[in-house]
Amino acid sequence: MENPFREELPVFGGRFRLITEHNEFRMSHWVKGFGLVDSLNGNFILELETSFNLSKFEEHDGALKVYFEIFPDGSVQYESEIDPYKLTFSCKGQLYNLKDFSRTFKEFRSH
């Protein structure tokens, strides 16, 4: 069954869709998970990550700038620029493959 709290927001003129889902993490604490879909073929280019809480996003110079926390802790805000056309993201001055997004940030959290 699809999440009733799922939203699809067009970005980059509709070329991609930012998918968000609100999920209850703890009693009355909601986490806004996010992922990114290629509108041309419907495939996720960034898998929906429900333990990441999207606090804000903006389109900026051909990239999607995202601000989020990782739960269960949620005390650190991360910032990343995603280039959906090149399937890359940058964080802390480094460039990474978009398929490594979740793993990379979970590793940052563990250090």
PDB file of N, CA and C in Angstrom:
ATOM      1  N   MET A   1       0.830  -1.177   0.000  1.00  0.00           N
ATOM      2  CA  MET A   1       0.000   0.000   0.000  1.00  0.00           C
ATOM      3  C   MET A   1       0.877   1.243   0.000  1.00  0.00           C
ATOM      4  N   GLU A   2       0.553   2.189  -0.839  1.00  0.00           N
ATOM      5  CA  GLU A   2       1.334   3.412  -0.944  1.00  0.00           C
ATOM      6  C   GLU A   2       1.100   4.308   0.273  1.00  0.00           C
ATOM      7  N   ASN A   3       2.147   4.988   0.692  1.00  0.00           N
ATOM      8  CA  ASN A   3       2.093   5.886   1.841  1.00  0.00           C
ATOM      9  C   ASN A   3       1.147   7.052   1.541  1.00  0.00           C
ATOM     10  N   PRO A   4       0.131   7.279   2.386  1.00  0.00           N
ATOM     11  CA  PRO A   4      -0.796   8.389   2.142  1.00  0.00           C
ATOM     12  C   PRO A   4      -0.150   9.759   2.334  1.00  0.00           C
ATOM     13  N   PHE A   5       1.046   9.781   2.928  1.00  0.00           N
ATOM     14  CA  PHE A   5       1.758  11.035   3.161  1.00  0.00           C
ATOM     15  C   PHE A   5       2.884  11.245   2.146  1.00  0.00           C
ATOM     16  N   ARG A   6       2.723  10.650   0.985  1.00  0.00           N
ATOM     17  CA  ARG A   6       3.720  10.760  -0.093  1.00  0.00           C
ATOM     18  C   ARG A   6       3.377  11.955  -0.977  1.00  0.00           C
ATOM     19  N   GLU A   7       4.417  12.722  -1.331  1.00  0.00           N
ATOM     20  CA  GLU A   7       4.267  13.849  -2.250  1.00  0.00           C
ATOM     21  C   GLU A   7       5.306  13.726  -3.358  1.00  0.00           C
ATOM     22  N   GLU A   8       4.932  14.176  -4.554  1.00  0.00           N
ATOM     23  CA  GLU A   8       5.855  14.216  -5.685  1.00  0.00           C
ATOM     24  C   GLU A   8       5.916  15.655  -6.156  1.00  0.00           C
ATOM     25  N   LEU A   9       7.097  16.243  -6.069  1.00  0.00           N
ATOM     26  CA  LEU A   9       7.287  17.645  -6.423  1.00  0.00           C
ATOM     27  C   LEU A   9       8.176  17.751  -7.656  1.00  0.00           C
ATOM     28  N   PRO A  10       7.695  18.395  -8.724  1.00  0.00           N
ATOM     29  CA  PRO A  10       8.538  18.533  -9.920  1.00  0.00           C
ATOM     30  C   PRO A  10       9.704  19.488  -9.649  1.00  0.00           C
ATOM     31  N   VAL A  11      10.893  19.088 -10.112  1.00  0.00           N
ATOM     32  CA  VAL A  11      12.078  19.950 -10.029  1.00  0.00           C
ATOM     33  C   VAL A  11      12.732  19.994 -11.405  1.00  0.00           C
ATOM     34  N   PHE A  12      13.497  21.010 -11.648  1.00  0.00           N
ATOM     35  CA  PHE A  12      14.157  21.219 -12.937  1.00  0.00           C
ATOM     36  C   PHE A  12      13.160  21.174 -14.084  1.00  0.00           C
ATOM     37  N   GLY A  13      12.109  21.972 -13.952  1.00  0.00           N
ATOM     38  CA  GLY A  13      11.104  22.082 -15.004  1.00  0.00           C
ATOM     39  C   GLY A  13      10.316  20.813 -15.242  1.00  0.00           C
ATOM     40  N   GLY A  14      10.263  19.927 -14.241  1.00  0.00           N
ATOM     41  CA  GLY A  14       9.527  18.678 -14.371  1.00  0.00           C
ATOM     42  C   GLY A  14      10.352  17.513 -14.879  1.00  0.00           C
ATOM     43  N   ARG A  15      11.605  17.765 -15.205  1.00  0.00           N
ATOM     44  CA  ARG A  15      12.481  16.700 -15.718  1.00  0.00           C
ATOM     45  C   ARG A  15      12.704  15.613 -14.662  1.00  0.00           C
ATOM     46  N   PHE A  16      12.703  16.023 -13.385  1.00  0.00           N
ATOM     47  CA  PHE A  16      12.850  15.098 -12.258  1.00  0.00           C
ATOM     48  C   PHE A  16      11.736  15.384 -11.258  1.00  0.00           C
ATOM     49  N   ARG A  17      11.490  14.408 -10.377  1.00  0.00           N
ATOM     50  CA  ARG A  17      10.504  14.586  -9.311  1.00  0.00           C
ATOM     51  C   ARG A  17      11.155  14.257  -7.976  1.00  0.00           C
ATOM     52  N   LEU A  18      11.015  15.177  -7.037  1.00  0.00           N
ATOM     53  CA  LEU A  18      11.468  14.947  -5.670  1.00  0.00           C
ATOM     54  C   LEU A  18      10.321  14.251  -4.941  1.00  0.00           C
ATOM     55  N   ILE A  19      10.582  13.048  -4.485  1.00  0.00           N
ATOM     56  CA  ILE A  19       9.581  12.266  -3.772  1.00  0.00           C
ATOM     57  C   ILE A  19       9.833  12.439  -2.278  1.00  0.00           C
ATOM     58  N   THR A  20       8.800  12.803  -1.536  1.00  0.00           N
ATOM     59  CA  THR A  20       8.917  12.881  -0.079  1.00  0.00           C
ATOM     60  C   THR A  20       7.822  12.030   0.548  1.00  0.00           C
ATOM     61  N   GLU A  21       8.155  11.431   1.668  1.00  0.00           N
ATOM     62  CA  GLU A  21       7.197  10.642   2.432  1.00  0.00           C
ATOM     63  C   GLU A  21       7.374  10.938   3.912  1.00  0.00           C
ATOM     64  N   HIS A  22       6.281  11.293   4.552  1.00  0.00           N
ATOM     65  CA  HIS A  22       6.296  11.466   6.001  1.00  0.00           C
ATOM     66  C   HIS A  22       6.033  10.111   6.648  1.00  0.00           C
ATOM     67  N   ASN A  23       6.919   9.727   7.549  1.00  0.00           N
ATOM     68  CA  ASN A  23       6.765   8.480   8.284  1.00  0.00           C
ATOM     69  C   ASN A  23       6.927   8.766   9.767  1.00  0.00           C
ATOM     70  N   GLU A  24       6.066   8.144  10.565  1.00  0.00           N
ATOM     71  CA  GLU A  24       6.174   8.344  12.010  1.00  0.00           C
ATOM     72  C   GLU A  24       7.384   7.582  12.514  1.00  0.00           C
ATOM     73  N   PHE A  25       8.308   8.320  13.123  1.00  0.00           N
ATOM     74  CA  PHE A  25       9.533   7.704  13.624  1.00  0.00           C
ATOM     75  C   PHE A  25       9.347   7.244  15.056  1.00  0.00           C
ATOM     76  N   ARG A  26       8.854   8.125  15.873  1.00  0.00           N
ATOM     77  CA  ARG A  26       8.479   7.819  17.252  1.00  0.00           C
ATOM     78  C   ARG A  26       7.131   8.445  17.479  1.00  0.00           C
ATOM     79  N   MET A  27       6.580   8.201  18.613  1.00  0.00           N
ATOM     80  CA  MET A  27       5.255   8.761  18.892  1.00  0.00           C
ATOM     81  C   MET A  27       5.242  10.259  18.591  1.00  0.00           C
ATOM     82  N   SER A  28       4.454  10.636  17.617  1.00  0.00           N
ATOM     83  CA  SER A  28       4.255  12.041  17.224  1.00  0.00           C
ATOM     84  C   SER A  28       5.502  12.719  16.672  1.00  0.00           C
ATOM     85  N   HIS A  29       6.525  11.977  16.310  1.00  0.00           N
ATOM     86  CA  HIS A  29       7.698  12.569  15.652  1.00  0.00           C
ATOM     87  C   HIS A  29       7.758  12.011  14.229  1.00  0.00           C
ATOM     88  N   TRP A  30       7.628  12.910  13.268  1.00  0.00           N
ATOM     89  CA  TRP A  30       7.566  12.512  11.871  1.00  0.00           C
ATOM     90  C   TRP A  30       8.869  12.838  11.159  1.00  0.00           C
ATOM     91  N   VAL A  31       9.311  11.925  10.301  1.00  0.00           N
ATOM     92  CA  VAL A  31      10.516  12.094   9.491  1.00  0.00           C
ATOM     93  C   VAL A  31      10.077  12.179   8.036  1.00  0.00           C
ATOM     94  N   LYS A  32      10.598  13.183   7.332  1.00  0.00           N
ATOM     95  CA  LYS A  32      10.246  13.411   5.927  1.00  0.00           C
ATOM     96  C   LYS A  32      11.348  12.822   5.034  1.00  0.00           C
ATOM     97  N   GLY A  33      11.180  11.536   4.699  1.00  0.00           N
ATOM     98  CA  GLY A  33      12.132  10.862   3.833  1.00  0.00           C
ATOM     99  C   GLY A  33      12.077  11.427   2.423  1.00  0.00           C
ATOM    100  N   PHE A  34      13.153  11.217   1.650  1.00  0.00           N
ATOM    101  CA  PHE A  34      13.164  11.759   0.294  1.00  0.00           C
ATOM    102  C   PHE A  34      13.946  10.890  -0.668  1.00  0.00           C
ATOM    103  N   GLY A  35      13.601  11.027  -1.941  1.00  0.00           N
ATOM    104  CA  GLY A  35      14.274  10.352  -3.038  1.00  0.00           C
ATOM    105  C   GLY A  35      14.058  11.179  -4.299  1.00  0.00           C
ATOM    106  N   LEU A  36      14.676  10.773  -5.399  1.00  0.00           N
ATOM    107  CA  LEU A  36      14.607  11.531  -6.648  1.00  0.00           C
ATOM    108  C   LEU A  36      14.335  10.571  -7.804  1.00  0.00           C
ATOM    109  N   VAL A  37      13.344  10.940  -8.629  1.00  0.00           N
ATOM    110  CA  VAL A  37      12.920  10.093  -9.749  1.00  0.00           C
ATOM    111  C   VAL A  37      13.158  10.818 -11.067  1.00  0.00           C
ATOM    112  N   ASP A  38      13.636  10.082 -12.061  1.00  0.00           N
ATOM    113  CA  ASP A  38      13.763  10.578 -13.423  1.00  0.00           C
ATOM    114  C   ASP A  38      12.370  10.530 -14.056  1.00  0.00           C
ATOM    115  N   SER A  39      11.826  11.670 -14.424  1.00  0.00           N
ATOM    116  CA  SER A  39      10.464  11.722 -14.963  1.00  0.00           C
ATOM    117  C   SER A  39      10.333  11.051 -16.316  1.00  0.00           C
ATOM    118  N   LEU A  40      11.416  10.929 -17.060  1.00  0.00           N
ATOM    119  CA  LEU A  40      11.342  10.320 -18.391  1.00  0.00           C
ATOM    120  C   LEU A  40      11.060   8.827 -18.340  1.00  0.00           C
ATOM    121  N   ASN A  41      11.681   8.133 -17.375  1.00  0.00           N
ATOM    122  CA  ASN A  41      11.494   6.684 -17.326  1.00  0.00           C
ATOM    123  C   ASN A  41      10.859   6.190 -16.021  1.00  0.00           C
ATOM    124  N   GLY A  42      10.667   7.092 -15.047  1.00  0.00           N
ATOM    125  CA  GLY A  42      10.040   6.710 -13.781  1.00  0.00           C
ATOM    126  C   GLY A  42      10.949   5.989 -12.806  1.00  0.00           C
ATOM    127  N   ASN A  43      12.233   5.870 -13.125  1.00  0.00           N
ATOM    128  CA  ASN A  43      13.173   5.169 -12.255  1.00  0.00           C
ATOM    129  C   ASN A  43      13.746   6.098 -11.182  1.00  0.00           C
ATOM    130  N   PHE A  44      13.951   5.533  -9.996  1.00  0.00           N
ATOM    131  CA  PHE A  44      14.622   6.279  -8.935  1.00  0.00           C
ATOM    132  C   PHE A  44      16.092   6.448  -9.292  1.00  0.00           C
ATOM    133  N   ILE A  45      16.575   7.685  -9.261  1.00  0.00           N
ATOM    134  CA  ILE A  45      18.017   7.914  -9.395  1.00  0.00           C
ATOM    135  C   ILE A  45      18.626   8.115  -8.018  1.00  0.00           C
ATOM    136  N   LEU A  46      17.781   8.432  -7.045  1.00  0.00           N
ATOM    137  CA  LEU A  46      18.160   8.458  -5.631  1.00  0.00           C
ATOM    138  C   LEU A  46      17.039   7.740  -4.900  1.00  0.00           C
ATOM    139  N   GLU A  47      17.352   6.558  -4.385  1.00  0.00           N
ATOM    140  CA  GLU A  47      16.338   5.756  -3.703  1.00  0.00           C
ATOM    141  C   GLU A  47      15.751   6.515  -2.522  1.00  0.00           C
ATOM    142  N   LEU A  48      14.477   6.298  -2.279  1.00  0.00           N
ATOM    143  CA  LEU A  48      13.785   6.916  -1.154  1.00  0.00           C
ATOM    144  C   LEU A  48      14.425   6.438   0.140  1.00  0.00           C
ATOM    145  N   GLU A  49      14.901   7.375   0.942  1.00  0.00           N
ATOM    146  CA  GLU A  49      15.561   7.056   2.206  1.00  0.00           C
ATOM    147  C   GLU A  49      14.684   7.571   3.337  1.00  0.00           C
ATOM    148  N   THR A  50      14.041   6.663   4.051  1.00  0.00           N
ATOM    149  CA  THR A  50      13.062   7.066   5.061  1.00  0.00           C
ATOM    150  C   THR A  50      13.679   7.456   6.394  1.00  0.00           C
ATOM    151  N   SER A  51      14.959   7.184   6.625  1.00  0.00           N
ATOM    152  CA  SER A  51      15.588   7.619   7.876  1.00  0.00           C
ATOM    153  C   SER A  51      16.262   8.983   7.729  1.00  0.00           C
ATOM    154  N   PHE A  52      16.245   9.550   6.524  1.00  0.00           N
ATOM    155  CA  PHE A  52      16.763  10.898   6.297  1.00  0.00           C
ATOM    156  C   PHE A  52      15.583  11.859   6.336  1.00  0.00           C
ATOM    157  N   ASN A  53      15.709  12.941   7.082  1.00  0.00           N
ATOM    158  CA  ASN A  53      14.632  13.910   7.249  1.00  0.00           C
ATOM    159  C   ASN A  53      14.959  15.176   6.455  1.00  0.00           C
ATOM    160  N   LEU A  54      14.280  15.363   5.345  1.00  0.00           N
ATOM    161  CA  LEU A  54      14.496  16.538   4.492  1.00  0.00           C
ATOM    162  C   LEU A  54      13.901  17.766   5.169  1.00  0.00           C
ATOM    163  N   SER A  55      14.756  18.723   5.530  1.00  0.00           N
ATOM    164  CA  SER A  55      14.251  19.932   6.179  1.00  0.00           C
ATOM    165  C   SER A  55      14.035  21.058   5.177  1.00  0.00           C
ATOM    166  N   LYS A  56      14.841  21.073   4.107  1.00  0.00           N
ATOM    167  CA  LYS A  56      14.608  22.065   3.050  1.00  0.00           C
ATOM    168  C   LYS A  56      15.400  21.680   1.819  1.00  0.00           C
ATOM    169  N   PHE A  57      14.986  22.238   0.664  1.00  0.00           N
ATOM    170  CA  PHE A  57      15.706  22.005  -0.588  1.00  0.00           C
ATOM    171  C   PHE A  57      15.529  23.220  -1.478  1.00  0.00           C
ATOM    172  N   GLU A  58      16.444  23.363  -2.430  1.00  0.00           N
ATOM    173  CA  GLU A  58      16.350  24.445  -3.411  1.00  0.00           C
ATOM    174  C   GLU A  58      17.122  24.048  -4.658  1.00  0.00           C
ATOM    175  N   GLU A  59      16.636  24.516  -5.797  1.00  0.00           N
ATOM    176  CA  GLU A  59      17.369  24.339  -7.046  1.00  0.00           C
ATOM    177  C   GLU A  59      18.384  25.462  -7.120  1.00  0.00           C
ATOM    178  N   HIS A  60      19.636  25.110  -7.428  1.00  0.00           N
ATOM    179  CA  HIS A  60      20.702  26.104  -7.410  1.00  0.00           C
ATOM    180  C   HIS A  60      21.767  25.753  -8.452  1.00  0.00           C
ATOM    181  N   ASP A  61      21.900  26.572  -9.473  1.00  0.00           N
ATOM    182  CA  ASP A  61      22.936  26.379 -10.509  1.00  0.00           C
ATOM    183  C   ASP A  61      22.989  24.951 -11.057  1.00  0.00           C
ATOM    184  N   GLY A  62      21.842  24.404 -11.448  1.00  0.00           N
ATOM    185  CA  GLY A  62      21.810  23.074 -12.054  1.00  0.00           C
ATOM    186  C   GLY A  62      21.909  21.930 -11.062  1.00  0.00           C
ATOM    187  N   ALA A  63      21.856  22.243  -9.775  1.00  0.00           N
ATOM    188  CA  ALA A  63      21.922  21.201  -8.751  1.00  0.00           C
ATOM    189  C   ALA A  63      20.738  21.355  -7.802  1.00  0.00           C
ATOM    190  N   LEU A  64      20.417  20.283  -7.140  1.00  0.00           N
ATOM    191  CA  LEU A  64      19.389  20.305  -6.110  1.00  0.00           C
ATOM    192  C   LEU A  64      20.113  20.312  -4.771  1.00  0.00           C
ATOM    193  N   LYS A  65      20.022  21.424  -4.071  1.00  0.00           N
ATOM    194  CA  LYS A  65      20.666  21.554  -2.771  1.00  0.00           C
ATOM    195  C   LYS A  65      19.691  21.056  -1.717  1.00  0.00           C
ATOM    196  N   VAL A  66      20.111  20.054  -0.929  1.00  0.00           N
ATOM    197  CA  VAL A  66      19.246  19.473   0.091  1.00  0.00           C
ATOM    198  C   VAL A  66      19.876  19.636   1.468  1.00  0.00           C
ATOM    199  N   TYR A  67      19.021  19.842   2.450  1.00  0.00           N
ATOM    200  CA  TYR A  67      19.417  19.965   3.853  1.00  0.00           C
ATOM    201  C   TYR A  67      18.612  18.917   4.609  1.00  0.00           C
ATOM    202  N   PHE A  68      19.284  18.080   5.392  1.00  0.00           N
ATOM    203  CA  PHE A  68      18.580  16.980   6.044  1.00  0.00           C
ATOM    204  C   PHE A  68      19.330  16.507   7.287  1.00  0.00           C
ATOM    205  N   GLU A  69      18.598  15.765   8.114  1.00  0.00           N
ATOM    206  CA  GLU A  69      19.164  15.103   9.277  1.00  0.00           C
ATOM    207  C   GLU A  69      18.972  13.598   9.088  1.00  0.00           C
ATOM    208  N   ILE A  70      19.784  12.820   9.804  1.00  0.00           N
ATOM    209  CA  ILE A  70      19.663  11.364   9.749  1.00  0.00           C
ATOM    210  C   ILE A  70      19.181  10.873  11.110  1.00  0.00           C
ATOM    211  N   PHE A  71      18.119  10.098  11.084  1.00  0.00           N
ATOM    212  CA  PHE A  71      17.568   9.554  12.322  1.00  0.00           C
ATOM    213  C   PHE A  71      18.004   8.116  12.485  1.00  0.00           C
ATOM    214  N   PRO A  72      18.197   7.635  13.728  1.00  0.00           N
ATOM    215  CA  PRO A  72      17.488   8.043  14.911  1.00  0.00           C
ATOM    216  C   PRO A  72      18.072   9.242  15.647  1.00  0.00           C
ATOM    217  N   ASP A  73      19.302   9.625  15.416  1.00  0.00           N
ATOM    218  CA  ASP A  73      19.888  10.735  16.178  1.00  0.00           C
ATOM    219  C   ASP A  73      19.292  12.078  15.770  1.00  0.00           C
ATOM    220  N   GLY A  74      19.464  12.485  14.530  1.00  0.00           N
ATOM    221  CA  GLY A  74      18.868  13.710  14.013  1.00  0.00           C
ATOM    222  C   GLY A  74      19.454  14.999  14.547  1.00  0.00           C
ATOM    223  N   SER A  75      20.603  14.943  15.220  1.00  0.00           N
ATOM    224  CA  SER A  75      21.152  16.150  15.832  1.00  0.00           C
ATOM    225  C   SER A  75      22.078  16.948  14.906  1.00  0.00           C
ATOM    226  N   VAL A  76      22.498  16.343  13.802  1.00  0.00           N
ATOM    227  CA  VAL A  76      23.414  17.006  12.864  1.00  0.00           C
ATOM    228  C   VAL A  76      22.673  17.264  11.557  1.00  0.00           C
ATOM    229  N   GLN A  77      22.781  18.505  11.056  1.00  0.00           N
ATOM    230  CA  GLN A  77      22.181  18.781   9.751  1.00  0.00           C
ATOM    231  C   GLN A  77      23.268  18.643   8.681  1.00  0.00           C
ATOM    232  N   TYR A  78      22.947  17.887   7.645  1.00  0.00           N
ATOM    233  CA  TYR A  78      23.843  17.698   6.511  1.00  0.00           C
ATOM    234  C   TYR A  78      23.348  18.544   5.353  1.00  0.00           C
ATOM    235  N   GLU A  79      24.282  18.884   4.479  1.00  0.00           N
ATOM    236  CA  GLU A  79      23.977  19.674   3.284  1.00  0.00           C
ATOM    237  C   GLU A  79      24.688  19.022   2.113  1.00  0.00           C
ATOM    238  N   SER A  80      23.985  18.900   1.008  1.00  0.00           N
ATOM    239  CA  SER A  80      24.578  18.287  -0.173  1.00  0.00           C
ATOM    240  C   SER A  80      23.980  18.904  -1.421  1.00  0.00           C
ATOM    241  N   GLU A  81      24.764  18.920  -2.491  1.00  0.00           N
ATOM    242  CA  GLU A  81      24.269  19.350  -3.794  1.00  0.00           C
ATOM    243  C   GLU A  81      24.235  18.134  -4.711  1.00  0.00           C
ATOM    244  N   ILE A  82      23.045  17.839  -5.220  1.00  0.00           N
ATOM    245  CA  ILE A  82      22.835  16.687  -6.092  1.00  0.00           C
ATOM    246  C   ILE A  82      22.733  17.182  -7.528  1.00  0.00           C
ATOM    247  N   ASP A  83      23.532  16.588  -8.423  1.00  0.00           N
ATOM    248  CA  ASP A  83      23.421  16.877  -9.851  1.00  0.00           C
ATOM    249  C   ASP A  83      22.708  15.690 -10.491  1.00  0.00           C
ATOM    250  N   PRO A  84      21.409  15.814 -10.730  1.00  0.00           N
ATOM    251  CA  PRO A  84      20.662  14.665 -11.254  1.00  0.00           C
ATOM    252  C   PRO A  84      21.016  14.319 -12.698  1.00  0.00           C
ATOM    253  N   TYR A  85      21.571  15.257 -13.432  1.00  0.00           N
ATOM    254  CA  TYR A  85      21.945  15.004 -14.821  1.00  0.00           C
ATOM    255  C   TYR A  85      23.220  14.165 -14.907  1.00  0.00           C
ATOM    256  N   LYS A  86      24.164  14.427 -14.018  1.00  0.00           N
ATOM    257  CA  LYS A  86      25.432  13.685 -14.009  1.00  0.00           C
ATOM    258  C   LYS A  86      25.421  12.513 -13.033  1.00  0.00           C
ATOM    259  N   LEU A  87      24.316  12.379 -12.270  1.00  0.00           N
ATOM    260  CA  LEU A  87      24.174  11.322 -11.269  1.00  0.00           C
ATOM    261  C   LEU A  87      25.301  11.379 -10.232  1.00  0.00           C
ATOM    262  N   THR A  88      25.578  12.602  -9.757  1.00  0.00           N
ATOM    263  CA  THR A  88      26.604  12.818  -8.743  1.00  0.00           C
ATOM    264  C   THR A  88      26.042  13.685  -7.622  1.00  0.00           C
ATOM    265  N   PHE A  89      26.763  13.724  -6.507  1.00  0.00           N
ATOM    266  CA  PHE A  89      26.458  14.659  -5.438  1.00  0.00           C
ATOM    267  C   PHE A  89      27.769  15.108  -4.807  1.00  0.00           C
ATOM    268  N   SER A  90      27.732  16.268  -4.191  1.00  0.00           N
ATOM    269  CA  SER A  90      28.926  16.773  -3.518  1.00  0.00           C
ATOM    270  C   SER A  90      28.605  17.064  -2.060  1.00  0.00           C
ATOM    271  N   CYS A  91      29.611  16.852  -1.244  1.00  0.00           N
ATOM    272  CA  CYS A  91      29.511  17.134   0.184  1.00  0.00           C
ATOM    273  C   CYS A  91      30.924  17.276   0.731  1.00  0.00           C
ATOM    274  N   LYS A  92      31.113  18.258   1.591  1.00  0.00           N
ATOM    275  CA  LYS A  92      32.410  18.489   2.225  1.00  0.00           C
ATOM    276  C   LYS A  92      33.528  18.604   1.190  1.00  0.00           C
ATOM    277  N   GLY A  93      33.223  19.233   0.050  1.00  0.00           N
ATOM    278  CA  GLY A  93      34.234  19.468  -0.972  1.00  0.00           C
ATOM    279  C   GLY A  93      34.587  18.267  -1.837  1.00  0.00           C
ATOM    280  N   GLN A  94      33.899  17.157  -1.665  1.00  0.00           N
ATOM    281  CA  GLN A  94      34.172  15.946  -2.434  1.00  0.00           C
ATOM    282  C   GLN A  94      32.998  15.652  -3.364  1.00  0.00           C
ATOM    283  N   LEU A  95      33.301  15.024  -4.499  1.00  0.00           N
ATOM    284  CA  LEU A  95      32.290  14.610  -5.462  1.00  0.00           C
ATOM    285  C   LEU A  95      32.124  13.092  -5.386  1.00  0.00           C
ATOM    286  N   TYR A  96      30.867  12.616  -5.357  1.00  0.00           N
ATOM    287  CA  TYR A  96      30.563  11.199  -5.215  1.00  0.00           C
ATOM    288  C   TYR A  96      29.539  10.777  -6.261  1.00  0.00           C
ATOM    289  N   ASN A  97      29.453   9.461  -6.481  1.00  0.00           N
ATOM    290  CA  ASN A  97      28.434   8.886  -7.341  1.00  0.00           C
ATOM    291  C   ASN A  97      27.113   8.878  -6.575  1.00  0.00           C
ATOM    292  N   LEU A  98      26.030   9.262  -7.224  1.00  0.00           N
ATOM    293  CA  LEU A  98      24.735   9.371  -6.563  1.00  0.00           C
ATOM    294  C   LEU A  98      24.263   8.048  -5.957  1.00  0.00           C
ATOM    295  N   LYS A  99      24.653   6.925  -6.543  1.00  0.00           N
ATOM    296  CA  LYS A  99      24.240   5.625  -5.998  1.00  0.00           C
ATOM    297  C   LYS A  99      24.823   5.386  -4.598  1.00  0.00           C
ATOM    298  N   ASP A 100      25.841   6.162  -4.210  1.00  0.00           N
ATOM    299  CA  ASP A 100      26.480   6.015  -2.901  1.00  0.00           C
ATOM    300  C   ASP A 100      25.978   7.028  -1.868  1.00  0.00           C
ATOM    301  N   PHE A 101      24.908   7.751  -2.184  1.00  0.00           N
ATOM    302  CA  PHE A 101      24.426   8.835  -1.319  1.00  0.00           C
ATOM    303  C   PHE A 101      24.126   8.351   0.102  1.00  0.00           C
ATOM    304  N   SER A 102      23.243   7.405   0.264  1.00  0.00           N
ATOM    305  CA  SER A 102      22.851   6.941   1.605  1.00  0.00           C
ATOM    306  C   SER A 102      24.038   6.374   2.369  1.00  0.00           C
ATOM    307  N   ARG A 103      24.790   5.519   1.727  1.00  0.00           N
ATOM    308  CA  ARG A 103      25.936   4.881   2.389  1.00  0.00           C
ATOM    309  C   ARG A 103      26.946   5.927   2.857  1.00  0.00           C
ATOM    310  N   THR A 104      27.230   6.910   2.005  1.00  0.00           N
ATOM    311  CA  THR A 104      28.217   7.941   2.332  1.00  0.00           C
ATOM    312  C   THR A 104      27.796   8.724   3.571  1.00  0.00           C
ATOM    313  N   PHE A 105      26.545   9.155   3.616  1.00  0.00           N
ATOM    314  CA  PHE A 105      26.109   9.943   4.771  1.00  0.00           C
ATOM    315  C   PHE A 105      25.981   9.106   6.031  1.00  0.00           C
ATOM    316  N   LYS A 106      25.623   7.858   5.897  1.00  0.00           N
ATOM    317  CA  LYS A 106      25.579   6.991   7.085  1.00  0.00           C
ATOM    318  C   LYS A 106      26.989   6.776   7.630  1.00  0.00           C
ATOM    319  N   GLU A 107      27.992   6.726   6.745  1.00  0.00           N
ATOM    320  CA  GLU A 107      29.366   6.629   7.191  1.00  0.00           C
ATOM    321  C   GLU A 107      29.819   7.918   7.878  1.00  0.00           C
ATOM    322  N   PHE A 108      29.433   9.078   7.337  1.00  0.00           N
ATOM    323  CA  PHE A 108      29.753  10.345   7.993  1.00  0.00           C
ATOM    324  C   PHE A 108      29.182  10.352   9.404  1.00  0.00           C
ATOM    325  N   ARG A 109      27.970   9.867   9.548  1.00  0.00           N
ATOM    326  CA  ARG A 109      27.297   9.871  10.848  1.00  0.00           C
ATOM    327  C   ARG A 109      28.018   8.999  11.864  1.00  0.00           C
ATOM    328  N   SER A 110      28.616   7.915  11.403  1.00  0.00           N
ATOM    329  CA  SER A 110      29.255   6.980  12.344  1.00  0.00           C
ATOM    330  C   SER A 110      30.647   7.449  12.796  1.00  0.00           C
ATOM    331  N   HIS A 111      31.157   8.530  12.212  1.00  0.00           N
ATOM    332  CA  HIS A 111      32.499   9.025  12.614  1.00  0.00           C
ATOM    333  C   HIS A 111      32.415  10.177  13.545  1.00  0.00           C
TER     334      HIS A 111
END
